[in-house]
């Protein structure tokens, strides 16, 4: 379990002229795959810095563990970088997570952006440091022809401080009801793989989001049973299911869809459940501010509303010291009064 920190810190929102960084923590990418995103970010008025090892290659990975670690660490420590946008998912982030030093990041939070394998970062940061992150589209997904997608505009709005509100048609297995709580989660396979580790998440009283890609149906059931047996599904405020994309089956059919498997695993619970939310491994991958409090209303037409932050609280050191400082000041004031009372009675 991580350090339990009350409240979630919102990194400072971006403004024109700010610098963002693109790094690869997992699978390798090419220059041609990343150039459209660089152009898009520049059109938003942002400066773009790329990791020194961004285009390195080590079998499937974007360079060695040491190279990927060095790039991400450099951007965490660079005060000029206001957001770190992961180039793509795949696999590999878990190989470097325990070597990362988040000291400077905690002092001066910045947005961490991505989905899929980047769920490792989302979960680890939420559990240990209480800082919001962005589950959102990544540079690999930006169209080569330079066109824009709703997922890209969704990312831009979140980075620049607009709190999203989504109105969506509910999937047929959705369970009606209203909920309010902190939104957490990400890729189901990654959440399953983090169980019992230092990056495992706390789901109690929260709204869990899950999505996945290219999994066998029996394995979806295995992962949901793991979450259930681990107590991750018992005390949710709500469940949101995104794209369960390109699922696989065996020669002997499993007999249920991924959505039916998920619905069956939480059938005894009473919290609202929204299926078919437009996020995950699909073209319509709308941005989710993980760690933010949301209002979820599930009906035929469902709403997810992210509670706005009036300001970005970017300095945990100052915020964290105010309350303890007041307690210490009060303690010494009380000692002084007791001392003064004792002297006056002598």
C-alpha atoms as a PDB file:
ATOM      1  CA  UNK A   1       0.000   0.000   0.000  1.00  0.00           C
ATOM      2  CA  UNK A   2       1.108   3.548  -0.665  1.00  0.00           C
ATOM      3  CA  UNK A   3       1.192   6.552   1.589  1.00  0.00           C
ATOM      4  CA  UNK A   4      -2.369   7.730   2.136  1.00  0.00           C
ATOM      5  CA  UNK A   5      -2.503  11.448   1.322  1.00  0.00           C
ATOM      6  CA  UNK A   6      -5.739  13.365   1.960  1.00  0.00           C
ATOM      7  CA  UNK A   7      -6.973  15.229  -1.094  1.00  0.00           C
ATOM      8  CA  UNK A   8      -5.560  15.206  -4.592  1.00  0.00           C
ATOM      9  CA  UNK A   9      -3.172  17.762  -6.004  1.00  0.00           C
ATOM     10  CA  UNK A  10      -3.988  19.262  -9.409  1.00  0.00           C
ATOM     11  CA  UNK A  11      -0.873  20.112 -11.443  1.00  0.00           C
ATOM     12  CA  UNK A  12      -0.805  23.631 -12.919  1.00  0.00           C
ATOM     13  CA  UNK A  13      -2.816  23.888 -16.112  1.00  0.00           C
ATOM     14  CA  UNK A  14      -0.961  24.742 -19.302  1.00  0.00           C
ATOM     15  CA  UNK A  15      -0.888  28.110 -21.024  1.00  0.00           C
ATOM     16  CA  UNK A  16       0.471  29.164 -24.429  1.00  0.00           C
ATOM     17  CA  UNK A  17       4.253  29.137 -24.441  1.00  0.00           C
ATOM     18  CA  UNK A  18       4.567  26.276 -21.947  1.00  0.00           C
ATOM     19  CA  UNK A  19       6.829  23.344 -22.708  1.00  0.00           C
ATOM     20  CA  UNK A  20       5.684  19.727 -22.898  1.00  0.00           C
ATOM     21  CA  UNK A  21       7.859  16.647 -23.265  1.00  0.00           C
ATOM     22  CA  UNK A  22       7.318  13.464 -25.265  1.00  0.00           C
ATOM     23  CA  UNK A  23       8.999  10.333 -23.922  1.00  0.00           C
ATOM     24  CA  UNK A  24       8.555   6.593 -24.461  1.00  0.00           C
ATOM     25  CA  UNK A  25       8.406   4.374 -21.381  1.00  0.00           C
ATOM     26  CA  UNK A  26       7.379   1.200 -23.194  1.00  0.00           C
ATOM     27  CA  UNK A  27       7.243   0.107 -26.836  1.00  0.00           C
ATOM     28  CA  UNK A  28       9.391   1.779 -29.499  1.00  0.00           C
ATOM     29  CA  UNK A  29       8.220   4.512 -31.876  1.00  0.00           C
ATOM     30  CA  UNK A  30       9.478   6.115 -35.068  1.00  0.00           C
ATOM     31  CA  UNK A  31      10.014   9.745 -36.033  1.00  0.00           C
ATOM     32  CA  UNK A  32       7.216   9.477 -38.594  1.00  0.00           C
ATOM     33  CA  UNK A  33       4.779   8.254 -35.941  1.00  0.00           C
ATOM     34  CA  UNK A  34       5.514  11.128 -33.563  1.00  0.00           C
ATOM     35  CA  UNK A  35       5.827  14.113 -35.934  1.00  0.00           C
ATOM     36  CA  UNK A  36       2.032  14.673 -36.257  1.00  0.00           C
ATOM     37  CA  UNK A  37       1.740  15.071 -32.490  1.00  0.00           C
ATOM     38  CA  UNK A  38       4.643  17.514 -32.360  1.00  0.00           C
ATOM     39  CA  UNK A  39       2.931  19.645 -35.005  1.00  0.00           C
ATOM     40  CA  UNK A  40      -0.397  19.467 -33.160  1.00  0.00           C
ATOM     41  CA  UNK A  41       1.110  20.511 -29.820  1.00  0.00           C
ATOM     42  CA  UNK A  42       2.905  23.398 -31.503  1.00  0.00           C
ATOM     43  CA  UNK A  43      -0.402  24.507 -33.074  1.00  0.00           C
ATOM     44  CA  UNK A  44      -1.785  24.666 -29.517  1.00  0.00           C
ATOM     45  CA  UNK A  45       0.919  27.223 -28.713  1.00  0.00           C
ATOM     46  CA  UNK A  46       3.161  24.793 -26.849  1.00  0.00           C
ATOM     47  CA  UNK A  47       6.881  24.171 -27.058  1.00  0.00           C
ATOM     48  CA  UNK A  48       7.831  20.510 -27.500  1.00  0.00           C
ATOM     49  CA  UNK A  49      10.893  18.737 -26.154  1.00  0.00           C
ATOM     50  CA  UNK A  50      11.550  15.093 -26.970  1.00  0.00           C
ATOM     51  CA  UNK A  51      13.460  12.620 -24.875  1.00  0.00           C
ATOM     52  CA  UNK A  52      17.067  12.105 -25.888  1.00  0.00           C
ATOM     53  CA  UNK A  53      16.388   8.383 -26.342  1.00  0.00           C
ATOM     54  CA  UNK A  54      12.854   8.668 -27.734  1.00  0.00           C
ATOM     55  CA  UNK A  55      13.645   6.903 -31.011  1.00  0.00           C
ATOM     56  CA  UNK A  56      16.047   4.295 -29.643  1.00  0.00           C
ATOM     57  CA  UNK A  57      15.277   0.611 -30.171  1.00  0.00           C
ATOM     58  CA  UNK A  58      15.941  -2.460 -28.027  1.00  0.00           C
ATOM     59  CA  UNK A  59      13.888  -5.321 -29.470  1.00  0.00           C
ATOM     60  CA  UNK A  60      10.282  -4.264 -28.721  1.00  0.00           C
ATOM     61  CA  UNK A  61      11.276  -1.454 -26.387  1.00  0.00           C
ATOM     62  CA  UNK A  62      12.079   2.213 -27.006  1.00  0.00           C
ATOM     63  CA  UNK A  63      15.657   1.649 -25.929  1.00  0.00           C
ATOM     64  CA  UNK A  64      17.033  -0.114 -22.876  1.00  0.00           C
ATOM     65  CA  UNK A  65      15.436   0.169 -19.451  1.00  0.00           C
ATOM     66  CA  UNK A  66      18.225   2.584 -18.514  1.00  0.00           C
ATOM     67  CA  UNK A  67      17.552   4.811 -21.543  1.00  0.00           C
ATOM     68  CA  UNK A  68      13.794   4.955 -20.983  1.00  0.00           C
ATOM     69  CA  UNK A  69      14.334   5.595 -17.283  1.00  0.00           C
ATOM     70  CA  UNK A  70      16.813   8.397 -17.985  1.00  0.00           C
ATOM     71  CA  UNK A  71      14.431  10.167 -20.379  1.00  0.00           C
ATOM     72  CA  UNK A  72      11.472  10.081 -18.010  1.00  0.00           C
ATOM     73  CA  UNK A  73      13.595  11.072 -15.000  1.00  0.00           C
ATOM     74  CA  UNK A  74      15.060  14.024 -16.890  1.00  0.00           C
ATOM     75  CA  UNK A  75      11.594  15.327 -17.729  1.00  0.00           C
ATOM     76  CA  UNK A  76      10.347  14.796 -14.169  1.00  0.00           C
ATOM     77  CA  UNK A  77      13.245  16.911 -12.906  1.00  0.00           C
ATOM     78  CA  UNK A  78      13.136  19.613 -15.605  1.00  0.00           C
ATOM     79  CA  UNK A  79      11.246  22.606 -14.122  1.00  0.00           C
ATOM     80  CA  UNK A  80      10.563  23.996 -17.602  1.00  0.00           C
ATOM     81  CA  UNK A  81       8.513  20.937 -18.601  1.00  0.00           C
ATOM     82  CA  UNK A  82       4.876  21.329 -17.522  1.00  0.00           C
ATOM     83  CA  UNK A  83       3.521  18.037 -18.895  1.00  0.00           C
ATOM     84  CA  UNK A  84       5.026  14.679 -19.808  1.00  0.00           C
ATOM     85  CA  UNK A  85       3.155  13.002 -22.644  1.00  0.00           C
ATOM     86  CA  UNK A  86       3.936   9.343 -23.154  1.00  0.00           C
ATOM     87  CA  UNK A  87       4.434   8.460 -26.801  1.00  0.00           C
ATOM     88  CA  UNK A  88       2.625   5.127 -26.720  1.00  0.00           C
ATOM     89  CA  UNK A  89       1.798   2.116 -24.588  1.00  0.00           C
ATOM     90  CA  UNK A  90       2.709  -1.502 -25.229  1.00  0.00           C
ATOM     91  CA  UNK A  91       4.777  -2.936 -22.411  1.00  0.00           C
ATOM     92  CA  UNK A  92       7.734  -1.731 -20.393  1.00  0.00           C
ATOM     93  CA  UNK A  93       6.727   0.985 -17.912  1.00  0.00           C
ATOM     94  CA  UNK A  94       6.634  -1.477 -15.008  1.00  0.00           C
ATOM     95  CA  UNK A  95      10.310  -2.257 -15.681  1.00  0.00           C
ATOM     96  CA  UNK A  96      11.362   1.280 -14.693  1.00  0.00           C
ATOM     97  CA  UNK A  97       8.728   2.442 -12.181  1.00  0.00           C
ATOM     98  CA  UNK A  98      10.665   1.441  -9.044  1.00  0.00           C
ATOM     99  CA  UNK A  99      13.811   3.252 -10.182  1.00  0.00           C
ATOM    100  CA  UNK A 100      12.105   6.601 -10.763  1.00  0.00           C
ATOM    101  CA  UNK A 101      12.726   9.377  -8.235  1.00  0.00           C
ATOM    102  CA  UNK A 102       9.579  11.471  -7.815  1.00  0.00           C
ATOM    103  CA  UNK A 103      11.008  13.975  -5.294  1.00  0.00           C
ATOM    104  CA  UNK A 104      11.050  16.963  -7.648  1.00  0.00           C
ATOM    105  CA  UNK A 105       7.742  15.930  -9.216  1.00  0.00           C
ATOM    106  CA  UNK A 106       6.053  15.990  -5.802  1.00  0.00           C
ATOM    107  CA  UNK A 107       7.489  19.444  -5.079  1.00  0.00           C
ATOM    108  CA  UNK A 108       6.362  20.787  -8.470  1.00  0.00           C
ATOM    109  CA  UNK A 109       3.677  18.526  -9.977  1.00  0.00           C
ATOM    110  CA  UNK A 110       3.141  18.356 -13.728  1.00  0.00           C
ATOM    111  CA  UNK A 111       0.672  16.466 -15.888  1.00  0.00           C
ATOM    112  CA  UNK A 112       1.495  12.847 -16.762  1.00  0.00           C
ATOM    113  CA  UNK A 113      -0.460  11.817 -19.876  1.00  0.00           C
ATOM    114  CA  UNK A 114      -1.208   8.469 -21.480  1.00  0.00           C
ATOM    115  CA  UNK A 115      -3.240   5.275 -21.284  1.00  0.00           C
ATOM    116  CA  UNK A 116      -2.783   1.506 -21.723  1.00  0.00           C
ATOM    117  CA  UNK A 117       0.648   0.624 -20.232  1.00  0.00           C
ATOM    118  CA  UNK A 118       0.794   4.135 -18.716  1.00  0.00           C
ATOM    119  CA  UNK A 119      -1.738   2.850 -16.164  1.00  0.00           C
ATOM    120  CA  UNK A 120       1.382   1.843 -14.211  1.00  0.00           C
ATOM    121  CA  UNK A 121       2.272   5.520 -13.759  1.00  0.00           C
ATOM    122  CA  UNK A 122      -1.299   6.588 -13.017  1.00  0.00           C
ATOM    123  CA  UNK A 123      -1.736   3.976 -10.297  1.00  0.00           C
ATOM    124  CA  UNK A 124       1.689   4.460  -8.708  1.00  0.00           C
ATOM    125  CA  UNK A 125       1.396   8.252  -8.601  1.00  0.00           C
ATOM    126  CA  UNK A 126      -2.135   8.224  -7.165  1.00  0.00           C
ATOM    127  CA  UNK A 127      -1.323   5.685  -4.486  1.00  0.00           C
ATOM    128  CA  UNK A 128       1.924   7.267  -3.307  1.00  0.00           C
ATOM    129  CA  UNK A 129       1.734  10.976  -4.078  1.00  0.00           C
ATOM    130  CA  UNK A 130      -1.922  11.963  -4.455  1.00  0.00           C
ATOM    131  CA  UNK A 131      -1.466  13.870  -7.727  1.00  0.00           C
ATOM    132  CA  UNK A 132      -3.978  13.906 -10.587  1.00  0.00           C
ATOM    133  CA  UNK A 133      -2.956  12.453 -13.960  1.00  0.00           C
ATOM    134  CA  UNK A 134      -4.531  12.304 -17.425  1.00  0.00           C
ATOM    135  CA  UNK A 135      -5.786   9.098 -19.024  1.00  0.00           C
ATOM    136  CA  UNK A 136      -5.808  10.339 -22.612  1.00  0.00           C
ATOM    137  CA  UNK A 137      -4.765   9.800 -26.197  1.00  0.00           C
ATOM    138  CA  UNK A 138      -1.064   9.612 -27.019  1.00  0.00           C
ATOM    139  CA  UNK A 139       1.148  10.846 -29.881  1.00  0.00           C
ATOM    140  CA  UNK A 140       1.061   7.467 -31.633  1.00  0.00           C
ATOM    141  CA  UNK A 141      -2.694   7.972 -32.142  1.00  0.00           C
ATOM    142  CA  UNK A 142      -2.459  11.374 -33.860  1.00  0.00           C
ATOM    143  CA  UNK A 143      -3.440  11.047 -37.555  1.00  0.00           C
ATOM    144  CA  UNK A 144      -0.551  11.190 -40.025  1.00  0.00           C
ATOM    145  CA  UNK A 145      -2.481  13.602 -42.279  1.00  0.00           C
ATOM    146  CA  UNK A 146      -2.548  16.243 -39.546  1.00  0.00           C
ATOM    147  CA  UNK A 147      -6.307  16.100 -39.041  1.00  0.00           C
ATOM    148  CA  UNK A 148      -7.822  16.493 -35.600  1.00  0.00           C
ATOM    149  CA  UNK A 149      -9.858  13.977 -33.615  1.00  0.00           C
ATOM    150  CA  UNK A 150     -12.302  14.531 -30.719  1.00  0.00           C
ATOM    151  CA  UNK A 151      -9.842  12.698 -28.468  1.00  0.00           C
ATOM    152  CA  UNK A 152      -7.137  15.243 -29.296  1.00  0.00           C
ATOM    153  CA  UNK A 153      -9.417  18.191 -28.581  1.00  0.00           C
ATOM    154  CA  UNK A 154     -10.440  16.524 -25.336  1.00  0.00           C
ATOM    155  CA  UNK A 155      -6.783  16.305 -24.329  1.00  0.00           C
ATOM    156  CA  UNK A 156      -6.163  19.942 -25.211  1.00  0.00           C
ATOM    157  CA  UNK A 157      -9.117  21.127 -23.129  1.00  0.00           C
ATOM    158  CA  UNK A 158      -8.038  19.154 -20.075  1.00  0.00           C
ATOM    159  CA  UNK A 159      -4.433  20.330 -20.269  1.00  0.00           C
ATOM    160  CA  UNK A 160      -5.544  23.954 -20.514  1.00  0.00           C
ATOM    161  CA  UNK A 161      -7.885  23.714 -17.540  1.00  0.00           C
ATOM    162  CA  UNK A 162     -11.349  22.942 -18.880  1.00  0.00           C
ATOM    163  CA  UNK A 163     -13.167  20.387 -16.722  1.00  0.00           C
ATOM    164  CA  UNK A 164     -14.802  17.823 -19.012  1.00  0.00           C
ATOM    165  CA  UNK A 165     -18.446  16.836 -18.979  1.00  0.00           C
ATOM    166  CA  UNK A 166     -19.562  13.860 -21.055  1.00  0.00           C
ATOM    167  CA  UNK A 167     -23.064  12.879 -22.158  1.00  0.00           C
ATOM    168  CA  UNK A 168     -23.085   9.362 -23.610  1.00  0.00           C
ATOM    169  CA  UNK A 169     -25.511   6.641 -24.622  1.00  0.00           C
ATOM    170  CA  UNK A 170     -25.377   3.861 -22.056  1.00  0.00           C
ATOM    171  CA  UNK A 171     -24.504   0.313 -23.069  1.00  0.00           C
ATOM    172  CA  UNK A 172     -27.294  -2.232 -22.719  1.00  0.00           C
ATOM    173  CA  UNK A 173     -25.789  -3.872 -19.621  1.00  0.00           C
ATOM    174  CA  UNK A 174     -25.499  -0.585 -17.713  1.00  0.00           C
ATOM    175  CA  UNK A 175     -27.046  -0.377 -14.251  1.00  0.00           C
ATOM    176  CA  UNK A 176     -28.878   2.847 -13.494  1.00  0.00           C
ATOM    177  CA  UNK A 177     -28.083   5.059 -10.533  1.00  0.00           C
ATOM    178  CA  UNK A 178     -26.048   8.038  -9.376  1.00  0.00           C
ATOM    179  CA  UNK A 179     -22.642   8.124  -7.750  1.00  0.00           C
ATOM    180  CA  UNK A 180     -19.987  10.571  -6.724  1.00  0.00           C
ATOM    181  CA  UNK A 181     -16.351   9.849  -6.003  1.00  0.00           C
ATOM    182  CA  UNK A 182     -12.767   9.970  -7.117  1.00  0.00           C
ATOM    183  CA  UNK A 183     -12.159   8.466 -10.563  1.00  0.00           C
ATOM    184  CA  UNK A 184      -9.357   5.904 -10.727  1.00  0.00           C
ATOM    185  CA  UNK A 185      -8.292   2.978 -12.895  1.00  0.00           C
ATOM    186  CA  UNK A 186      -7.174   2.450 -16.471  1.00  0.00           C
ATOM    187  CA  UNK A 187      -6.226  -0.673 -18.377  1.00  0.00           C
ATOM    188  CA  UNK A 188      -7.680  -3.823 -16.809  1.00  0.00           C
ATOM    189  CA  UNK A 189      -4.685  -6.030 -17.640  1.00  0.00           C
ATOM    190  CA  UNK A 190      -2.307  -3.535 -16.026  1.00  0.00           C
ATOM    191  CA  UNK A 191      -4.448  -3.141 -12.903  1.00  0.00           C
ATOM    192  CA  UNK A 192      -4.512  -6.947 -12.634  1.00  0.00           C
ATOM    193  CA  UNK A 193      -0.716  -7.104 -12.993  1.00  0.00           C
ATOM    194  CA  UNK A 194      -0.175  -4.489 -10.266  1.00  0.00           C
ATOM    195  CA  UNK A 195      -2.156  -6.383  -7.619  1.00  0.00           C
ATOM    196  CA  UNK A 196      -0.062  -6.909  -4.505  1.00  0.00           C
ATOM    197  CA  UNK A 197       2.671  -4.524  -5.628  1.00  0.00           C
ATOM    198  CA  UNK A 198       3.678  -1.065  -4.429  1.00  0.00           C
ATOM    199  CA  UNK A 199       1.599   0.361  -7.306  1.00  0.00           C
ATOM    200  CA  UNK A 200      -1.655  -1.407  -6.402  1.00  0.00           C
ATOM    201  CA  UNK A 201      -4.684   0.883  -6.090  1.00  0.00           C
ATOM    202  CA  UNK A 202      -7.210   1.517  -3.335  1.00  0.00           C
ATOM    203  CA  UNK A 203     -10.745   1.372  -4.756  1.00  0.00           C
ATOM    204  CA  UNK A 204     -12.882   1.909  -1.642  1.00  0.00           C
ATOM    205  CA  UNK A 205     -15.521   4.598  -2.174  1.00  0.00           C
ATOM    206  CA  UNK A 206     -14.170   5.416  -5.633  1.00  0.00           C
ATOM    207  CA  UNK A 207     -15.427   5.181  -9.209  1.00  0.00           C
ATOM    208  CA  UNK A 208     -13.366   2.615 -11.099  1.00  0.00           C
ATOM    209  CA  UNK A 209     -12.742   2.912 -14.840  1.00  0.00           C
ATOM    210  CA  UNK A 210     -11.542  -0.106 -16.828  1.00  0.00           C
ATOM    211  CA  UNK A 211     -10.812  -0.838 -20.509  1.00  0.00           C
ATOM    212  CA  UNK A 212      -8.763  -3.364 -22.436  1.00  0.00           C
ATOM    213  CA  UNK A 213      -7.536  -4.591 -25.799  1.00  0.00           C
ATOM    214  CA  UNK A 214      -6.754  -7.909 -27.465  1.00  0.00           C
ATOM    215  CA  UNK A 215      -7.471 -10.215 -24.531  1.00  0.00           C
ATOM    216  CA  UNK A 216      -8.939 -13.706 -24.499  1.00  0.00           C
ATOM    217  CA  UNK A 217     -12.395 -13.761 -22.951  1.00  0.00           C
ATOM    218  CA  UNK A 218     -11.451 -16.360 -20.343  1.00  0.00           C
ATOM    219  CA  UNK A 219      -8.618 -14.065 -19.258  1.00  0.00           C
ATOM    220  CA  UNK A 220     -11.040 -11.166 -18.825  1.00  0.00           C
ATOM    221  CA  UNK A 221     -12.951 -13.416 -16.431  1.00  0.00           C
ATOM    222  CA  UNK A 222      -9.713 -14.341 -14.633  1.00  0.00           C
ATOM    223  CA  UNK A 223      -8.835 -10.670 -14.178  1.00  0.00           C
ATOM    224  CA  UNK A 224     -12.288  -9.729 -12.913  1.00  0.00           C
ATOM    225  CA  UNK A 225     -12.199 -12.648 -10.452  1.00  0.00           C
ATOM    226  CA  UNK A 226      -8.823 -11.406  -9.245  1.00  0.00           C
ATOM    227  CA  UNK A 227     -10.229  -7.930  -8.601  1.00  0.00           C
ATOM    228  CA  UNK A 228     -13.260  -9.426  -6.903  1.00  0.00           C
ATOM    229  CA  UNK A 229     -11.329 -11.803  -4.640  1.00  0.00           C
ATOM    230  CA  UNK A 230      -8.955  -8.966  -3.787  1.00  0.00           C
ATOM    231  CA  UNK A 231     -11.855  -6.843  -2.541  1.00  0.00           C
ATOM    232  CA  UNK A 232     -11.415  -4.263  -5.310  1.00  0.00           C
ATOM    233  CA  UNK A 233     -15.063  -4.441  -6.432  1.00  0.00           C
ATOM    234  CA  UNK A 234     -16.857  -4.653  -3.073  1.00  0.00           C
ATOM    235  CA  UNK A 235     -16.945  -1.020  -1.990  1.00  0.00           C
ATOM    236  CA  UNK A 236     -16.923   0.928  -5.244  1.00  0.00           C
ATOM    237  CA  UNK A 237     -19.049   4.032  -5.601  1.00  0.00           C
ATOM    238  CA  UNK A 238     -19.494   3.152  -9.275  1.00  0.00           C
ATOM    239  CA  UNK A 239     -17.970   1.349 -12.249  1.00  0.00           C
ATOM    240  CA  UNK A 240     -17.306   2.739 -15.732  1.00  0.00           C
ATOM    241  CA  UNK A 241     -16.382   0.324 -18.532  1.00  0.00           C
ATOM    242  CA  UNK A 242     -14.719   1.739 -21.628  1.00  0.00           C
ATOM    243  CA  UNK A 243     -13.768  -0.041 -24.821  1.00  0.00           C
ATOM    244  CA  UNK A 244     -13.244  -3.784 -24.580  1.00  0.00           C
ATOM    245  CA  UNK A 245     -11.676  -3.837 -28.015  1.00  0.00           C
ATOM    246  CA  UNK A 246     -10.740  -6.735 -30.297  1.00  0.00           C
ATOM    247  CA  UNK A 247     -11.447  -9.439 -27.746  1.00  0.00           C
ATOM    248  CA  UNK A 248     -10.410 -13.012 -28.601  1.00  0.00           C
ATOM    249  CA  UNK A 249     -12.057 -16.378 -28.058  1.00  0.00           C
ATOM    250  CA  UNK A 250     -10.887 -19.991 -28.114  1.00  0.00           C
ATOM    251  CA  UNK A 251     -11.897 -22.711 -30.552  1.00  0.00           C
ATOM    252  CA  UNK A 252     -14.405 -23.782 -27.904  1.00  0.00           C
ATOM    253  CA  UNK A 253     -16.326 -20.516 -27.285  1.00  0.00           C
ATOM    254  CA  UNK A 254     -16.287 -19.006 -23.817  1.00  0.00           C
ATOM    255  CA  UNK A 255     -19.973 -18.210 -24.158  1.00  0.00           C
ATOM    256  CA  UNK A 256     -20.044 -14.600 -22.989  1.00  0.00           C
ATOM    257  CA  UNK A 257     -18.851 -11.244 -24.278  1.00  0.00           C
ATOM    258  CA  UNK A 258     -16.330  -9.240 -22.272  1.00  0.00           C
ATOM    259  CA  UNK A 259     -19.123  -6.920 -21.169  1.00  0.00           C
ATOM    260  CA  UNK A 260     -21.238  -9.875 -19.999  1.00  0.00           C
ATOM    261  CA  UNK A 261     -18.291 -11.261 -18.054  1.00  0.00           C
ATOM    262  CA  UNK A 262     -17.811  -7.932 -16.278  1.00  0.00           C
ATOM    263  CA  UNK A 263     -21.545  -7.579 -15.564  1.00  0.00           C
ATOM    264  CA  UNK A 264     -21.660 -11.071 -14.101  1.00  0.00           C
ATOM    265  CA  UNK A 265     -18.722 -10.370 -11.795  1.00  0.00           C
ATOM    266  CA  UNK A 266     -20.448  -7.401 -10.126  1.00  0.00           C
ATOM    267  CA  UNK A 267     -24.079  -8.596 -10.248  1.00  0.00           C
ATOM    268  CA  UNK A 268     -24.476  -8.778  -6.452  1.00  0.00           C
ATOM    269  CA  UNK A 269     -23.411  -5.176  -5.901  1.00  0.00           C
ATOM    270  CA  UNK A 270     -25.785  -2.218  -6.076  1.00  0.00           C
ATOM    271  CA  UNK A 271     -23.636   0.647  -7.358  1.00  0.00           C
ATOM    272  CA  UNK A 272     -24.273   2.190 -10.796  1.00  0.00           C
ATOM    273  CA  UNK A 273     -22.408   0.728 -13.769  1.00  0.00           C
ATOM    274  CA  UNK A 274     -21.872   2.452 -17.116  1.00  0.00           C
ATOM    275  CA  UNK A 275     -20.875   0.358 -20.128  1.00  0.00           C
ATOM    276  CA  UNK A 276     -19.576   1.592 -23.481  1.00  0.00           C
ATOM    277  CA  UNK A 277     -17.955   4.782 -22.231  1.00  0.00           C
ATOM    278  CA  UNK A 278     -15.889   6.257 -25.112  1.00  0.00           C
ATOM    279  CA  UNK A 279     -12.383   5.753 -23.744  1.00  0.00           C
ATOM    280  CA  UNK A 280      -9.686   3.177 -24.288  1.00  0.00           C
ATOM    281  CA  UNK A 281      -8.101   1.519 -27.305  1.00  0.00           C
ATOM    282  CA  UNK A 282     -10.392   3.098 -29.852  1.00  0.00           C
ATOM    283  CA  UNK A 283     -10.515   6.225 -31.997  1.00  0.00           C
ATOM    284  CA  UNK A 284     -12.947   7.941 -29.629  1.00  0.00           C
ATOM    285  CA  UNK A 285     -10.715   7.977 -26.574  1.00  0.00           C
ATOM    286  CA  UNK A 286     -11.947  10.836 -24.437  1.00  0.00           C
ATOM    287  CA  UNK A 287      -9.714  12.245 -21.724  1.00  0.00           C
ATOM    288  CA  UNK A 288     -10.269  11.301 -18.094  1.00  0.00           C
ATOM    289  CA  UNK A 289      -8.722  13.197 -15.204  1.00  0.00           C
ATOM    290  CA  UNK A 290      -7.776  10.345 -12.904  1.00  0.00           C
ATOM    291  CA  UNK A 291      -7.808  11.331  -9.258  1.00  0.00           C
ATOM    292  CA  UNK A 292     -10.474  13.998  -9.828  1.00  0.00           C
ATOM    293  CA  UNK A 293     -13.876  13.840  -8.117  1.00  0.00           C
ATOM    294  CA  UNK A 294     -16.652  13.132 -10.606  1.00  0.00           C
ATOM    295  CA  UNK A 295     -20.422  12.907 -10.596  1.00  0.00           C
ATOM    296  CA  UNK A 296     -21.729   9.839 -12.448  1.00  0.00           C
ATOM    297  CA  UNK A 297     -25.377   9.636 -13.491  1.00  0.00           C
ATOM    298  CA  UNK A 298     -26.310   6.405 -15.264  1.00  0.00           C
ATOM    299  CA  UNK A 299     -29.582   6.238 -17.179  1.00  0.00           C
ATOM    300  CA  UNK A 300     -30.451   5.763 -20.856  1.00  0.00           C
ATOM    301  CA  UNK A 301     -28.344   8.866 -21.534  1.00  0.00           C
ATOM    302  CA  UNK A 302     -25.589   8.989 -18.949  1.00  0.00           C
ATOM    303  CA  UNK A 303     -23.465  11.864 -17.703  1.00  0.00           C
ATOM    304  CA  UNK A 304     -19.997  12.038 -16.221  1.00  0.00           C
ATOM    305  CA  UNK A 305     -19.141  15.448 -14.837  1.00  0.00           C
ATOM    306  CA  UNK A 306     -15.670  16.281 -13.527  1.00  0.00           C
ATOM    307  CA  UNK A 307     -15.759  18.721 -10.648  1.00  0.00           C
ATOM    308  CA  UNK A 308     -13.851  21.847 -11.675  1.00  0.00           C
ATOM    309  CA  UNK A 309     -10.809  23.088  -9.823  1.00  0.00           C
ATOM    310  CA  UNK A 310     -10.789  26.859  -9.340  1.00  0.00           C
ATOM    311  CA  UNK A 311      -7.017  26.895  -9.319  1.00  0.00           C
ATOM    312  CA  UNK A 312      -4.162  24.497  -9.868  1.00  0.00           C
ATOM    313  CA  UNK A 313      -2.485  23.603  -6.605  1.00  0.00           C
ATOM    314  CA  UNK A 314       1.004  22.972  -7.829  1.00  0.00           C
ATOM    315  CA  UNK A 315       3.160  23.223  -4.704  1.00  0.00           C
ATOM    316  CA  UNK A 316       2.620  20.419  -2.217  1.00  0.00           C
ATOM    317  CA  UNK A 317       5.429  21.634   0.067  1.00  0.00           C
ATOM    318  CA  UNK A 318       3.627  24.892   0.839  1.00  0.00           C
ATOM    319  CA  UNK A 319       0.172  23.382   1.068  1.00  0.00           C
ATOM    320  CA  UNK A 320       1.387  20.490   3.192  1.00  0.00           C
ATOM    321  CA  UNK A 321       3.181  22.723   5.704  1.00  0.00           C
ATOM    322  CA  UNK A 322       0.419  25.248   6.411  1.00  0.00           C
ATOM    323  CA  UNK A 323      -1.786  23.037   8.585  1.00  0.00           C
ATOM    324  CA  UNK A 324       1.046  21.401  10.601  1.00  0.00           C
ATOM    325  CA  UNK A 325       2.578  24.857  11.046  1.00  0.00           C
ATOM    326  CA  UNK A 326      -0.638  26.177  12.565  1.00  0.00           C
ATOM    327  CA  UNK A 327      -0.779  23.233  14.978  1.00  0.00           C
ATOM    328  CA  UNK A 328       2.821  23.854  16.078  1.00  0.00           C
ATOM    329  CA  UNK A 329       2.163  27.579  16.496  1.00  0.00           C
ATOM    330  CA  UNK A 330      -0.915  26.859  18.611  1.00  0.00           C
ATOM    331  CA  UNK A 331       1.017  24.393  20.762  1.00  0.00           C
ATOM    332  CA  UNK A 332       3.731  26.915  21.603  1.00  0.00           C
ATOM    333  CA  UNK A 333       1.139  29.621  22.223  1.00  0.00           C
ATOM    334  CA  UNK A 334      -0.539  27.327  24.768  1.00  0.00           C
ATOM    335  CA  UNK A 335       2.799  26.618  26.462  1.00  0.00           C
ATOM    336  CA  UNK A 336       3.457  30.356  26.711  1.00  0.00           C
ATOM    337  CA  UNK A 337       0.049  30.985  28.303  1.00  0.00           C
ATOM    338  CA  UNK A 338       0.595  28.186  30.815  1.00  0.00           C
ATOM    339  CA  UNK A 339       4.054  29.525  31.643  1.00  0.00           C
ATOM    340  CA  UNK A 340       2.711  33.051  32.060  1.00  0.00           C
ATOM    341  CA  UNK A 341      -0.069  31.784  34.319  1.00  0.00           C
ATOM    342  CA  UNK A 342       2.401  29.841  36.462  1.00  0.00           C
ATOM    343  CA  UNK A 343       4.758  32.824  36.869  1.00  0.00           C
ATOM    344  CA  UNK A 344       1.911  35.171  37.827  1.00  0.00           C
ATOM    345  CA  UNK A 345       0.843  32.831  40.623  1.00  0.00           C
ATOM    346  CA  UNK A 346       4.273  32.524  42.230  1.00  0.00           C
END
